[in-house]
């Protein structure tokens, strides 16, 4: 019997459907192993929270990132759906598929891809936690170098009523910003913000 499949499932299934898919997948995997074909599969571990699977903020909160987003003294701001949906879930799933294809070219076998939006978002946020441990992100929300705590890493309203992002982290770019700025006092020394 020849059986070929490309199985890709996303977080839009209920817990009951996810269990049925997992059972079908295991059966398919057994058949595919016999016929030396390659399955690809993505199924989130978070079906215990399946009633929340359309709520983006749940994933960002669960990953511990929402508390780090925003300005000092204000509520956390919405990070669109870039962190958990696109990067945490979509990008990690896409990378898993690429790695499974690479494995197929080397061994002839596929891989099980386990991509979770929460785990992907938490991995992306590991930069914040690592930076916190080494002292680069040691202040509260909105008081650090990369979270609007530095006036030279922020957005500013332009004369035409639009906004411009500024982020000269390297000294030569910071000097260029000072040369072009009308309010140099607002742009404190780089060494004042870690």
N, C-alpha and C. Protein backbone atom coordinates (compact mmCIF):
# COMPACT_ATOMS: atom_id res chain seq x y z
N UNK A 1 0.85 -1.18 0.00
CA UNK A 1 0.00 0.00 0.00
C UNK A 1 0.89 1.24 0.00
N UNK A 2 0.61 2.17 -0.91
CA UNK A 2 1.36 3.43 -0.95
C UNK A 2 0.48 4.51 -0.34
N UNK A 3 1.04 5.23 0.61
CA UNK A 3 0.29 6.27 1.30
C UNK A 3 1.20 7.47 1.47
N UNK A 4 0.85 8.58 0.86
CA UNK A 4 1.64 9.79 0.99
C UNK A 4 0.77 10.87 1.61
N UNK A 5 1.36 11.67 2.49
CA UNK A 5 0.56 12.73 3.12
C UNK A 5 1.42 13.90 3.51
N UNK A 6 0.84 15.05 3.41
CA UNK A 6 1.42 16.26 3.98
C UNK A 6 0.40 16.74 4.99
N UNK A 7 0.67 16.52 6.25
CA UNK A 7 -0.28 16.85 7.30
C UNK A 7 0.14 18.14 7.97
N UNK A 8 -0.68 19.15 7.88
CA UNK A 8 -0.42 20.39 8.61
C UNK A 8 -1.70 20.82 9.29
N UNK A 9 -1.67 20.86 10.60
CA UNK A 9 -2.82 21.26 11.38
C UNK A 9 -2.42 22.47 12.22
N UNK A 10 -3.35 23.36 12.43
CA UNK A 10 -3.05 24.56 13.21
C UNK A 10 -3.88 24.58 14.48
N UNK A 11 -3.76 25.66 15.22
CA UNK A 11 -4.40 25.80 16.52
C UNK A 11 -5.90 26.11 16.45
N UNK A 12 -6.55 25.85 15.35
CA UNK A 12 -7.96 26.21 15.22
C UNK A 12 -8.90 25.07 15.56
N UNK A 13 -8.38 23.96 16.04
CA UNK A 13 -9.21 22.82 16.34
C UNK A 13 -9.60 22.80 17.81
N UNK A 14 -10.75 22.20 18.10
CA UNK A 14 -11.16 22.01 19.49
C UNK A 14 -10.32 20.88 20.08
N UNK A 15 -10.40 20.73 21.40
CA UNK A 15 -9.63 19.67 22.06
C UNK A 15 -10.04 18.30 21.54
N UNK A 16 -11.34 18.06 21.35
CA UNK A 16 -11.81 16.77 20.86
C UNK A 16 -11.29 16.51 19.44
N UNK A 17 -11.34 17.53 18.59
CA UNK A 17 -10.82 17.37 17.22
C UNK A 17 -9.32 17.12 17.24
N UNK A 18 -8.62 17.78 18.14
CA UNK A 18 -7.17 17.59 18.23
C UNK A 18 -6.83 16.16 18.61
N UNK A 19 -7.60 15.57 19.50
CA UNK A 19 -7.36 14.18 19.90
C UNK A 19 -7.61 13.25 18.71
N UNK A 20 -8.70 13.48 17.98
CA UNK A 20 -8.97 12.65 16.79
C UNK A 20 -7.86 12.79 15.76
N UNK A 21 -7.37 14.00 15.57
CA UNK A 21 -6.29 14.24 14.62
C UNK A 21 -5.03 13.51 15.08
N UNK A 22 -4.74 13.56 16.38
CA UNK A 22 -3.54 12.91 16.90
C UNK A 22 -3.61 11.40 16.70
N UNK A 23 -4.79 10.80 16.92
CA UNK A 23 -4.96 9.36 16.70
C UNK A 23 -4.78 9.05 15.22
N UNK A 24 -5.41 9.84 14.34
CA UNK A 24 -5.25 9.65 12.90
C UNK A 24 -3.79 9.81 12.50
N UNK A 25 -3.13 10.79 13.09
CA UNK A 25 -1.73 11.03 12.77
C UNK A 25 -0.87 9.83 13.15
N UNK A 26 -1.09 9.26 14.34
CA UNK A 26 -0.29 8.11 14.77
C UNK A 26 -0.50 6.94 13.82
N UNK A 27 -1.75 6.70 13.43
CA UNK A 27 -2.03 5.64 12.47
C UNK A 27 -1.34 5.92 11.15
N UNK A 28 -1.43 7.17 10.69
CA UNK A 28 -0.78 7.55 9.43
C UNK A 28 0.73 7.39 9.53
N UNK A 29 1.29 7.76 10.68
CA UNK A 29 2.73 7.65 10.88
C UNK A 29 3.18 6.20 10.77
N UNK A 30 2.39 5.29 11.37
CA UNK A 30 2.73 3.87 11.27
C UNK A 30 2.73 3.41 9.81
N UNK A 31 1.72 3.81 9.07
CA UNK A 31 1.65 3.43 7.65
C UNK A 31 2.80 4.06 6.87
N UNK A 32 3.06 5.33 7.17
CA UNK A 32 4.11 6.04 6.44
C UNK A 32 5.50 5.46 6.74
N UNK A 33 5.72 5.01 7.96
CA UNK A 33 7.01 4.42 8.30
C UNK A 33 7.21 3.13 7.51
N UNK A 34 6.14 2.39 7.34
CA UNK A 34 6.24 1.15 6.57
C UNK A 34 6.57 1.45 5.12
N UNK A 35 5.92 2.46 4.56
CA UNK A 35 6.13 2.75 3.14
C UNK A 35 7.25 3.76 2.90
N UNK A 36 7.97 4.14 3.96
CA UNK A 36 9.13 5.04 3.87
C UNK A 36 8.77 6.41 3.29
N UNK A 37 7.58 6.90 3.62
CA UNK A 37 7.19 8.25 3.21
C UNK A 37 7.36 9.19 4.40
N UNK A 38 7.12 10.47 4.17
CA UNK A 38 7.45 11.46 5.19
C UNK A 38 6.26 12.31 5.60
N UNK A 39 5.83 12.21 6.83
CA UNK A 39 4.75 13.08 7.29
C UNK A 39 5.29 14.38 7.87
N UNK A 40 4.48 15.40 7.80
CA UNK A 40 4.79 16.67 8.46
C UNK A 40 3.57 17.01 9.29
N UNK A 41 3.79 17.41 10.51
CA UNK A 41 2.65 17.58 11.40
C UNK A 41 2.94 18.68 12.40
N UNK A 42 1.98 19.53 12.62
CA UNK A 42 2.09 20.57 13.63
C UNK A 42 0.81 20.57 14.44
N UNK A 43 0.93 20.36 15.72
CA UNK A 43 -0.24 20.35 16.59
C UNK A 43 0.19 20.93 17.93
N UNK A 44 -0.48 21.97 18.37
CA UNK A 44 -0.07 22.66 19.59
C UNK A 44 -0.35 21.81 20.82
N UNK A 45 0.47 22.00 21.85
CA UNK A 45 0.26 21.35 23.13
C UNK A 45 -0.82 22.04 23.94
N UNK A 46 -1.26 23.19 23.50
CA UNK A 46 -2.14 24.00 24.33
C UNK A 46 -3.62 23.70 24.15
N UNK A 47 -3.98 22.50 23.76
CA UNK A 47 -5.40 22.21 23.60
C UNK A 47 -6.11 22.12 24.94
N UNK A 48 -5.37 22.04 26.02
CA UNK A 48 -6.01 22.13 27.32
C UNK A 48 -6.64 23.51 27.49
N UNK A 49 -6.16 24.48 26.74
CA UNK A 49 -6.70 25.84 26.76
C UNK A 49 -7.37 26.15 25.43
N UNK A 50 -7.98 25.15 24.80
CA UNK A 50 -8.49 25.35 23.44
C UNK A 50 -9.58 26.40 23.37
N UNK A 51 -10.30 26.62 24.48
CA UNK A 51 -11.33 27.64 24.45
C UNK A 51 -10.74 29.03 24.32
N UNK A 52 -9.43 29.17 24.53
CA UNK A 52 -8.76 30.45 24.41
C UNK A 52 -7.93 30.56 23.14
N UNK A 53 -8.00 29.58 22.25
CA UNK A 53 -7.05 29.56 21.15
C UNK A 53 -7.21 30.68 20.14
N UNK A 54 -8.26 31.48 20.22
CA UNK A 54 -8.38 32.63 19.35
C UNK A 54 -7.99 33.92 20.05
N UNK A 55 -7.57 33.83 21.27
CA UNK A 55 -7.25 35.02 22.05
C UNK A 55 -5.75 35.22 22.11
N UNK A 56 -5.27 36.10 21.28
CA UNK A 56 -3.84 36.35 21.14
C UNK A 56 -3.20 36.75 22.46
N UNK A 57 -3.87 37.60 23.23
CA UNK A 57 -3.26 38.11 24.47
C UNK A 57 -2.98 36.99 25.45
N UNK A 58 -3.78 35.95 25.43
CA UNK A 58 -3.52 34.82 26.31
C UNK A 58 -2.13 34.27 26.07
N UNK A 59 -1.77 34.10 24.80
CA UNK A 59 -0.47 33.51 24.48
C UNK A 59 0.67 34.43 24.88
N UNK A 60 0.51 35.74 24.64
CA UNK A 60 1.56 36.70 25.00
C UNK A 60 1.69 36.79 26.52
N UNK A 61 0.56 36.79 27.23
CA UNK A 61 0.59 36.83 28.71
C UNK A 61 1.21 35.56 29.27
N UNK A 62 0.78 34.42 28.75
CA UNK A 62 1.26 33.14 29.24
C UNK A 62 2.77 33.00 29.03
N UNK A 63 3.28 33.62 27.98
CA UNK A 63 4.73 33.60 27.71
C UNK A 63 5.48 34.59 28.60
N UNK A 64 4.76 35.43 29.34
CA UNK A 64 5.39 36.39 30.25
C UNK A 64 5.87 37.66 29.59
N UNK A 65 5.38 37.97 28.40
CA UNK A 65 5.90 39.12 27.66
C UNK A 65 5.07 40.39 27.80
N UNK A 66 3.77 40.27 28.02
CA UNK A 66 2.92 41.46 28.03
C UNK A 66 3.35 42.45 29.10
N UNK A 67 3.80 41.96 30.24
CA UNK A 67 4.21 42.84 31.33
C UNK A 67 5.44 43.67 30.99
N UNK A 68 6.17 43.29 29.96
CA UNK A 68 7.39 44.01 29.58
C UNK A 68 7.16 45.03 28.47
N UNK A 69 5.95 45.11 27.93
CA UNK A 69 5.67 45.98 26.79
C UNK A 69 4.93 47.24 27.23
N UNK A 70 5.50 48.39 26.97
CA UNK A 70 4.83 49.64 27.29
C UNK A 70 5.77 50.64 27.92
N UNK A 71 5.22 51.79 28.23
CA UNK A 71 6.00 52.87 28.84
C UNK A 71 5.88 52.81 30.36
N UNK A 72 6.82 53.44 31.02
CA UNK A 72 6.82 53.50 32.48
C UNK A 72 5.56 54.22 32.97
N UNK A 73 4.89 53.65 33.96
CA UNK A 73 3.72 54.27 34.54
C UNK A 73 2.44 54.12 33.75
N UNK A 74 2.49 53.42 32.63
CA UNK A 74 1.30 53.20 31.80
C UNK A 74 0.99 51.71 31.74
N UNK A 75 -0.20 51.39 31.30
CA UNK A 75 -0.56 49.98 31.14
C UNK A 75 0.25 49.38 29.98
N UNK A 76 0.44 48.07 29.97
CA UNK A 76 1.14 47.44 28.84
C UNK A 76 0.39 47.72 27.55
N UNK A 77 1.13 47.85 26.46
CA UNK A 77 0.48 48.13 25.18
C UNK A 77 0.36 46.88 24.33
N UNK A 78 -0.55 46.96 23.39
CA UNK A 78 -0.82 45.82 22.51
C UNK A 78 0.30 45.66 21.49
N UNK A 79 0.90 44.48 21.40
CA UNK A 79 1.98 44.26 20.44
C UNK A 79 1.49 43.75 19.09
N UNK A 80 0.29 44.16 18.68
CA UNK A 80 -0.34 43.60 17.49
C UNK A 80 -0.40 42.09 17.65
N UNK A 81 -0.31 41.35 16.60
CA UNK A 81 -0.27 39.90 16.73
C UNK A 81 1.03 39.36 16.16
N UNK A 82 2.07 40.16 16.24
CA UNK A 82 3.35 39.78 15.66
C UNK A 82 4.11 38.78 16.52
N UNK A 83 4.04 38.91 17.85
CA UNK A 83 4.88 38.08 18.71
C UNK A 83 4.40 36.64 18.74
N UNK A 84 3.19 36.39 19.19
CA UNK A 84 2.74 35.00 19.33
C UNK A 84 2.26 34.41 18.01
N UNK A 85 1.40 35.11 17.30
CA UNK A 85 0.82 34.53 16.08
C UNK A 85 1.85 34.32 14.99
N UNK A 86 2.45 35.40 14.54
CA UNK A 86 3.33 35.32 13.38
C UNK A 86 4.71 34.75 13.71
N UNK A 87 5.37 35.32 14.69
CA UNK A 87 6.73 34.87 15.01
C UNK A 87 6.73 33.62 15.88
N UNK A 88 5.98 33.66 16.99
CA UNK A 88 5.99 32.53 17.91
C UNK A 88 5.39 31.27 17.32
N UNK A 89 4.28 31.39 16.61
CA UNK A 89 3.63 30.23 16.03
C UNK A 89 4.01 29.98 14.59
N UNK A 90 3.74 30.96 13.74
CA UNK A 90 3.96 30.78 12.30
C UNK A 90 5.41 30.57 11.92
N UNK A 91 6.29 31.40 12.45
CA UNK A 91 7.70 31.30 12.07
C UNK A 91 8.33 30.02 12.61
N UNK A 92 8.00 29.64 13.86
CA UNK A 92 8.58 28.41 14.39
C UNK A 92 8.03 27.19 13.65
N UNK A 93 6.77 27.24 13.25
CA UNK A 93 6.20 26.13 12.46
C UNK A 93 6.87 26.06 11.09
N UNK A 94 7.04 27.21 10.45
CA UNK A 94 7.69 27.23 9.13
C UNK A 94 9.13 26.72 9.22
N UNK A 95 9.84 27.13 10.26
CA UNK A 95 11.20 26.64 10.46
C UNK A 95 11.20 25.13 10.69
N UNK A 96 10.22 24.65 11.45
CA UNK A 96 10.11 23.21 11.67
C UNK A 96 9.88 22.46 10.37
N UNK A 97 9.05 23.00 9.50
CA UNK A 97 8.79 22.36 8.21
C UNK A 97 10.06 22.34 7.37
N UNK A 98 10.80 23.44 7.36
CA UNK A 98 12.07 23.49 6.61
C UNK A 98 13.04 22.45 7.14
N UNK A 99 13.15 22.35 8.48
CA UNK A 99 14.06 21.37 9.07
C UNK A 99 13.60 19.94 8.79
N UNK A 100 12.28 19.71 8.77
CA UNK A 100 11.77 18.38 8.44
C UNK A 100 12.08 18.03 6.99
N UNK A 101 11.97 18.99 6.10
CA UNK A 101 12.34 18.75 4.70
C UNK A 101 13.83 18.45 4.57
N UNK A 102 14.64 19.16 5.33
CA UNK A 102 16.08 18.90 5.32
C UNK A 102 16.37 17.49 5.82
N UNK A 103 15.70 17.09 6.90
CA UNK A 103 15.87 15.74 7.43
C UNK A 103 15.45 14.70 6.41
N UNK A 104 14.37 14.98 5.68
CA UNK A 104 13.90 14.04 4.67
C UNK A 104 14.95 13.84 3.58
N UNK A 105 15.63 14.92 3.18
CA UNK A 105 16.65 14.78 2.14
C UNK A 105 17.85 13.99 2.63
N UNK A 106 18.10 14.03 3.95
CA UNK A 106 19.27 13.31 4.49
C UNK A 106 18.95 11.86 4.83
N UNK A 107 17.80 11.63 5.50
CA UNK A 107 17.52 10.28 6.00
C UNK A 107 16.36 9.59 5.30
N UNK A 108 15.57 10.35 4.54
CA UNK A 108 14.40 9.76 3.91
C UNK A 108 13.20 9.67 4.83
N UNK A 109 13.34 10.17 6.05
CA UNK A 109 12.24 10.14 7.02
C UNK A 109 11.80 11.56 7.32
N UNK A 110 10.55 11.72 7.65
CA UNK A 110 10.01 13.02 8.04
C UNK A 110 10.18 13.25 9.53
N UNK A 111 9.64 14.33 10.00
CA UNK A 111 9.73 14.68 11.41
C UNK A 111 8.38 15.13 11.92
N UNK A 112 8.15 14.96 13.20
CA UNK A 112 6.97 15.51 13.85
C UNK A 112 7.33 16.93 14.27
N UNK A 113 6.53 17.90 13.86
CA UNK A 113 6.80 19.30 14.18
C UNK A 113 5.84 19.75 15.26
N UNK A 114 6.37 20.13 16.39
CA UNK A 114 5.56 20.60 17.51
C UNK A 114 5.80 22.09 17.66
N UNK A 115 4.92 22.91 17.13
CA UNK A 115 5.08 24.37 17.19
C UNK A 115 3.97 24.96 18.05
N UNK A 116 4.36 25.59 19.12
CA UNK A 116 3.40 26.19 20.04
C UNK A 116 3.59 27.70 20.05
N UNK A 117 2.48 28.44 19.97
CA UNK A 117 2.58 29.90 19.96
C UNK A 117 3.14 30.42 21.28
N UNK A 118 2.76 29.82 22.39
CA UNK A 118 3.27 30.27 23.69
C UNK A 118 4.76 29.99 23.80
N UNK A 119 5.16 28.77 23.48
CA UNK A 119 6.58 28.43 23.59
C UNK A 119 7.42 29.24 22.61
N UNK A 120 6.90 29.48 21.41
CA UNK A 120 7.62 30.30 20.43
C UNK A 120 7.77 31.73 20.91
N UNK A 121 6.70 32.29 21.48
CA UNK A 121 6.76 33.66 22.01
C UNK A 121 7.71 33.73 23.20
N UNK A 122 7.68 32.71 24.05
CA UNK A 122 8.60 32.69 25.20
C UNK A 122 10.05 32.61 24.73
N UNK A 123 10.29 31.83 23.68
CA UNK A 123 11.65 31.75 23.14
C UNK A 123 12.10 33.11 22.60
N UNK A 124 11.22 33.79 21.87
CA UNK A 124 11.55 35.13 21.37
C UNK A 124 11.81 36.09 22.52
N UNK A 125 11.07 35.94 23.60
CA UNK A 125 11.24 36.80 24.77
C UNK A 125 12.46 36.46 25.61
N UNK A 126 13.12 35.36 25.30
CA UNK A 126 14.30 34.97 26.09
C UNK A 126 15.38 36.04 26.03
N UNK A 127 15.39 36.84 24.97
CA UNK A 127 16.33 37.96 24.88
C UNK A 127 16.12 38.93 26.05
N UNK A 128 14.86 39.21 26.36
CA UNK A 128 14.55 40.13 27.46
C UNK A 128 15.03 39.55 28.78
N UNK A 129 14.73 38.28 29.03
CA UNK A 129 15.11 37.67 30.31
C UNK A 129 16.63 37.55 30.44
N UNK A 130 17.30 37.20 29.37
CA UNK A 130 18.77 37.13 29.39
C UNK A 130 19.35 38.52 29.62
N UNK A 131 18.81 39.53 28.93
CA UNK A 131 19.29 40.90 29.11
C UNK A 131 19.06 41.38 30.53
N UNK A 132 17.98 40.93 31.14
CA UNK A 132 17.69 41.30 32.52
C UNK A 132 18.74 40.71 33.46
N UNK A 133 19.13 39.48 33.21
CA UNK A 133 20.13 38.83 34.07
C UNK A 133 21.51 39.46 33.97
N UNK A 134 21.87 39.99 32.81
CA UNK A 134 23.20 40.57 32.64
C UNK A 134 23.21 42.08 32.84
N UNK A 135 22.07 42.65 33.26
CA UNK A 135 22.02 44.07 33.60
C UNK A 135 21.69 45.01 32.46
N UNK A 136 21.36 44.49 31.28
CA UNK A 136 21.02 45.35 30.16
C UNK A 136 19.55 45.76 30.14
N UNK A 137 18.73 45.08 30.93
CA UNK A 137 17.29 45.37 30.98
C UNK A 137 16.87 45.26 32.44
N UNK A 138 17.55 45.99 33.30
CA UNK A 138 17.38 45.81 34.74
C UNK A 138 16.37 46.75 35.38
N UNK A 139 15.87 47.71 34.64
CA UNK A 139 14.90 48.66 35.19
C UNK A 139 13.48 48.21 34.87
N UNK A 140 12.50 48.96 35.35
CA UNK A 140 11.10 48.63 35.11
C UNK A 140 10.70 48.84 33.67
N UNK A 141 9.45 48.51 33.38
CA UNK A 141 8.92 48.64 32.02
C UNK A 141 9.02 50.10 31.56
N UNK A 142 9.52 50.30 30.36
CA UNK A 142 9.62 51.64 29.79
C UNK A 142 10.78 52.46 30.31
N UNK A 143 11.73 51.83 31.01
CA UNK A 143 12.88 52.55 31.56
C UNK A 143 14.21 52.01 31.08
N UNK A 144 14.18 51.11 30.12
CA UNK A 144 15.39 50.47 29.61
C UNK A 144 15.71 50.99 28.21
N UNK A 145 16.86 50.65 27.74
CA UNK A 145 17.34 51.14 26.45
C UNK A 145 16.39 50.86 25.30
N UNK A 146 15.89 49.64 25.18
CA UNK A 146 15.12 49.24 24.01
C UNK A 146 13.61 49.27 24.20
N UNK A 147 13.11 49.77 25.31
CA UNK A 147 11.66 49.79 25.53
C UNK A 147 11.12 51.20 25.76
N UNK A 148 11.71 52.18 25.12
CA UNK A 148 11.34 53.60 25.17
C UNK A 148 11.92 54.32 26.39
N UNK A 149 12.80 53.68 27.14
CA UNK A 149 13.42 54.34 28.28
C UNK A 149 14.49 55.34 27.88
N UNK A 150 15.02 55.21 26.69
CA UNK A 150 16.04 56.14 26.19
C UNK A 150 15.38 57.07 25.17
N UNK A 151 15.56 58.38 25.32
CA UNK A 151 14.93 59.31 24.37
C UNK A 151 15.49 59.18 22.95
N UNK A 152 16.64 58.56 22.81
CA UNK A 152 17.20 58.37 21.47
C UNK A 152 16.79 57.03 20.86
N UNK A 153 15.88 56.32 21.51
CA UNK A 153 15.34 55.07 20.96
C UNK A 153 13.83 55.12 21.16
N UNK A 154 13.15 55.88 20.30
CA UNK A 154 11.73 56.15 20.50
C UNK A 154 11.11 56.62 19.19
N UNK A 155 9.86 57.03 19.25
CA UNK A 155 9.19 57.62 18.08
C UNK A 155 8.89 59.08 18.36
N UNK A 156 8.95 59.89 17.33
CA UNK A 156 8.73 61.33 17.46
C UNK A 156 7.80 61.82 16.36
N UNK A 157 6.98 62.80 16.73
CA UNK A 157 6.07 63.41 15.76
C UNK A 157 6.86 64.37 14.88
N UNK A 158 6.62 64.29 13.58
CA UNK A 158 7.31 65.15 12.62
C UNK A 158 6.45 66.39 12.33
N UNK A 159 7.03 67.35 11.64
CA UNK A 159 6.33 68.60 11.35
C UNK A 159 5.07 68.40 10.49
N UNK A 160 5.04 67.33 9.71
CA UNK A 160 3.87 67.07 8.87
C UNK A 160 2.81 66.23 9.58
N UNK A 161 2.96 66.02 10.89
CA UNK A 161 1.96 65.30 11.67
C UNK A 161 2.08 63.80 11.66
N UNK A 162 3.12 63.26 11.04
CA UNK A 162 3.35 61.82 11.02
C UNK A 162 4.37 61.49 12.10
N UNK A 163 4.79 60.23 12.16
CA UNK A 163 5.75 59.82 13.18
C UNK A 163 6.98 59.20 12.54
N UNK A 164 8.08 59.33 13.24
CA UNK A 164 9.35 58.79 12.78
C UNK A 164 9.98 58.00 13.93
N UNK A 165 10.48 56.82 13.63
CA UNK A 165 11.18 56.02 14.64
C UNK A 165 12.66 56.37 14.62
N UNK A 166 13.25 56.50 15.81
CA UNK A 166 14.66 56.83 15.95
C UNK A 166 15.29 55.78 16.86
N UNK A 167 16.44 55.24 16.45
CA UNK A 167 17.11 54.23 17.26
C UNK A 167 18.58 54.12 16.98
N UNK A 168 19.35 55.20 17.16
CA UNK A 168 20.79 55.15 16.87
C UNK A 168 21.58 54.50 18.01
N UNK A 169 21.69 53.20 17.99
CA UNK A 169 22.40 52.51 19.06
C UNK A 169 23.91 52.66 18.95
N UNK A 170 24.42 52.76 17.75
CA UNK A 170 25.87 52.90 17.58
C UNK A 170 26.27 54.37 17.70
N UNK A 171 27.44 54.65 18.30
CA UNK A 171 27.85 56.04 18.57
C UNK A 171 27.86 56.94 17.34
N UNK A 172 28.31 56.45 16.20
CA UNK A 172 28.37 57.31 15.01
C UNK A 172 26.97 57.73 14.55
N UNK A 173 25.98 56.87 14.73
CA UNK A 173 24.62 57.23 14.36
C UNK A 173 24.00 58.18 15.38
N UNK A 174 24.38 57.99 16.64
CA UNK A 174 23.90 58.90 17.69
C UNK A 174 24.42 60.31 17.45
N UNK A 175 25.67 60.43 17.04
CA UNK A 175 26.24 61.74 16.73
C UNK A 175 25.48 62.41 15.58
N UNK A 176 25.09 61.63 14.58
CA UNK A 176 24.30 62.17 13.47
C UNK A 176 22.94 62.66 13.95
N UNK A 177 22.34 61.94 14.88
CA UNK A 177 21.06 62.37 15.44
C UNK A 177 21.21 63.69 16.18
N UNK A 178 22.28 63.82 16.97
CA UNK A 178 22.52 65.08 17.69
C UNK A 178 22.71 66.25 16.72
N UNK A 179 23.42 66.01 15.64
CA UNK A 179 23.65 67.08 14.66
C UNK A 179 22.34 67.56 14.04
N UNK A 180 21.42 66.65 13.81
CA UNK A 180 20.17 67.01 13.15
C UNK A 180 19.04 67.39 14.09
N UNK A 181 19.26 67.30 15.39
CA UNK A 181 18.20 67.56 16.35
C UNK A 181 18.14 69.02 16.76
N UNK A 182 16.92 69.54 16.93
CA UNK A 182 16.75 70.90 17.43
C UNK A 182 16.76 70.93 18.95
N UNK A 183 16.44 69.82 19.59
CA UNK A 183 16.35 69.77 21.04
C UNK A 183 17.38 68.80 21.59
N UNK A 184 18.63 69.23 21.63
CA UNK A 184 19.72 68.35 22.06
C UNK A 184 19.63 68.00 23.55
N UNK A 185 19.01 68.87 24.35
CA UNK A 185 18.90 68.60 25.79
C UNK A 185 18.02 67.38 26.06
N UNK A 186 17.04 67.18 25.19
CA UNK A 186 16.15 66.03 25.37
C UNK A 186 16.90 64.72 25.10
N UNK A 187 17.87 64.77 24.25
CA UNK A 187 18.65 63.57 23.91
C UNK A 187 19.83 63.47 24.86
N UNK A 188 19.59 62.86 26.00
CA UNK A 188 20.61 62.74 27.04
C UNK A 188 21.78 61.89 26.56
N UNK A 189 22.82 61.88 27.34
CA UNK A 189 23.98 61.07 26.99
C UNK A 189 23.60 59.59 26.95
N UNK A 190 24.18 58.91 26.01
CA UNK A 190 23.90 57.48 25.84
C UNK A 190 24.24 56.69 27.10
N UNK A 191 25.24 57.13 27.85
CA UNK A 191 25.69 56.38 29.02
C UNK A 191 24.69 56.46 30.18
N UNK A 192 23.71 57.36 30.10
CA UNK A 192 22.73 57.48 31.19
C UNK A 192 21.67 56.39 31.16
N UNK A 193 21.57 55.67 30.08
CA UNK A 193 20.58 54.60 29.95
C UNK A 193 21.31 53.33 29.58
N UNK A 194 21.09 52.27 30.35
CA UNK A 194 21.73 50.99 30.05
C UNK A 194 20.80 50.11 29.27
